[in-house]
Amino acid sequence: MKQHTLRAAVIGVGSMGRNHARVYATMPDVELVAVCDTNYAAASSLANIYRCRIYTDYHAMLANEELDLVSVVVPTKHHFAVASAAIARGVHVLVEKPIAATVEQGWLLIEAARRYGVILTVGHIERFNPAIIALKKQLDNHELGNLFQITSRRVGPFPGRIADVGVVIDLATHEIDILNYLIGSPIVRMHVELHRHIHQSHEDMLSTLLRFENGMIGILDINWLTPTKIRELSIIGERGMFVANYLTQDLTFYENDSCQGKAWPELALLGVSEGRSIRLKVPRREPLYEELHSFCEAVRHETAPPVSGEAGVAALEIANQIVDAGLREHPAARLIERALAVGG
């Protein structure tokens, strides 16, 4: 039996918003009915490709179109206003990460979604990366035994398009959400180093050492200063190490030869020696397609999405704590930010 066709729209058609529109337009049983952006030329260009209606005012779009769902892909400072308007119209919402500019706004969105009976999900796209999904399965099966350390590196060139947030909110929220997803243990201590080299008003480099309640150590290396894009996560445990490459969607296991052949949970760590490296078979898929397909299925079947509003707030709250910790370590940085804000 043919499924009901979902009517979708995209608000904000910058680089990421254009990809949302592309994916909706190619999905079966989904119709991209409208795109909205204050830049008429950008919206018009996209609408001509996908033969959908054009709006420059999201209030007008929400009033005129009967929508099932919408992607909110506007600058972070506008997330709350746009998502709130869609929720109040009874439209299911995917808001790109971070969920909002503040934790308080995030909770207000969650409360509004409950009140209006709509789904609210946050675009933490790396949850849908096949390498991360495969890694999660390995960890849930205790393939590493006890876990010791997780290290994440997300670095690349400076993106001139991002002006309203720094590297912590823009990039580190990806890794924070993945750490929450994979480890599931609260952070009890952190040491943070922030620096601003190129960005006019926000940090563009982050180095962080984290201590989790379960004893694990976490390391984040995030910047906009590296002339090549690297997206990699490694996790070390008793049996060896997994390395996940977000870009190639590869997952490789480097075994601790001293532990092979010993069963979990009887495993006792007697030493560490180099064993085989095994590249796991991971089917490659576009994470954005998987994310939006998951959102559509949640809307269609009225089920909870994989990434909840609460998960989005948790990632933002930790990101804010990292920024605050970094500024406490270097009070002069806070004075510089304040001066720039006043000057702007």
Foldseek 3Di string as FASTA:
>chain_A
DDAAQFEEEEEDCDPVSLVLLVLQLPDPSYQDAEYEDLPQVSRVVSCVVSVHYYYPDLLVVLVPDDGQAYEYEDAQQCLLVNLLSCLVSVHAYEYEPLNHPALVSLVVSVVSCVVSVHAYFYPLLLVLQLLLVVVLVCVVVCVQPAWAEKEWEWEAAADPVDQPAEFLRPPVLSVLLSCCVRPVFAWDDKAKAFDPDPHPFYTFWIWMWTATPVGHIYIYTIGNHDHHTFTKMKIHHLQFMWIAGRVVRKIKTWGFVVQPPPDPPVTDRPDGDTDDIDIDDTDGDDSSSVQVVQVVVCSSVVHHGPGHSVSSSVSVVVSVVNVVNNCVVPVVSVVSNVVSVVVD
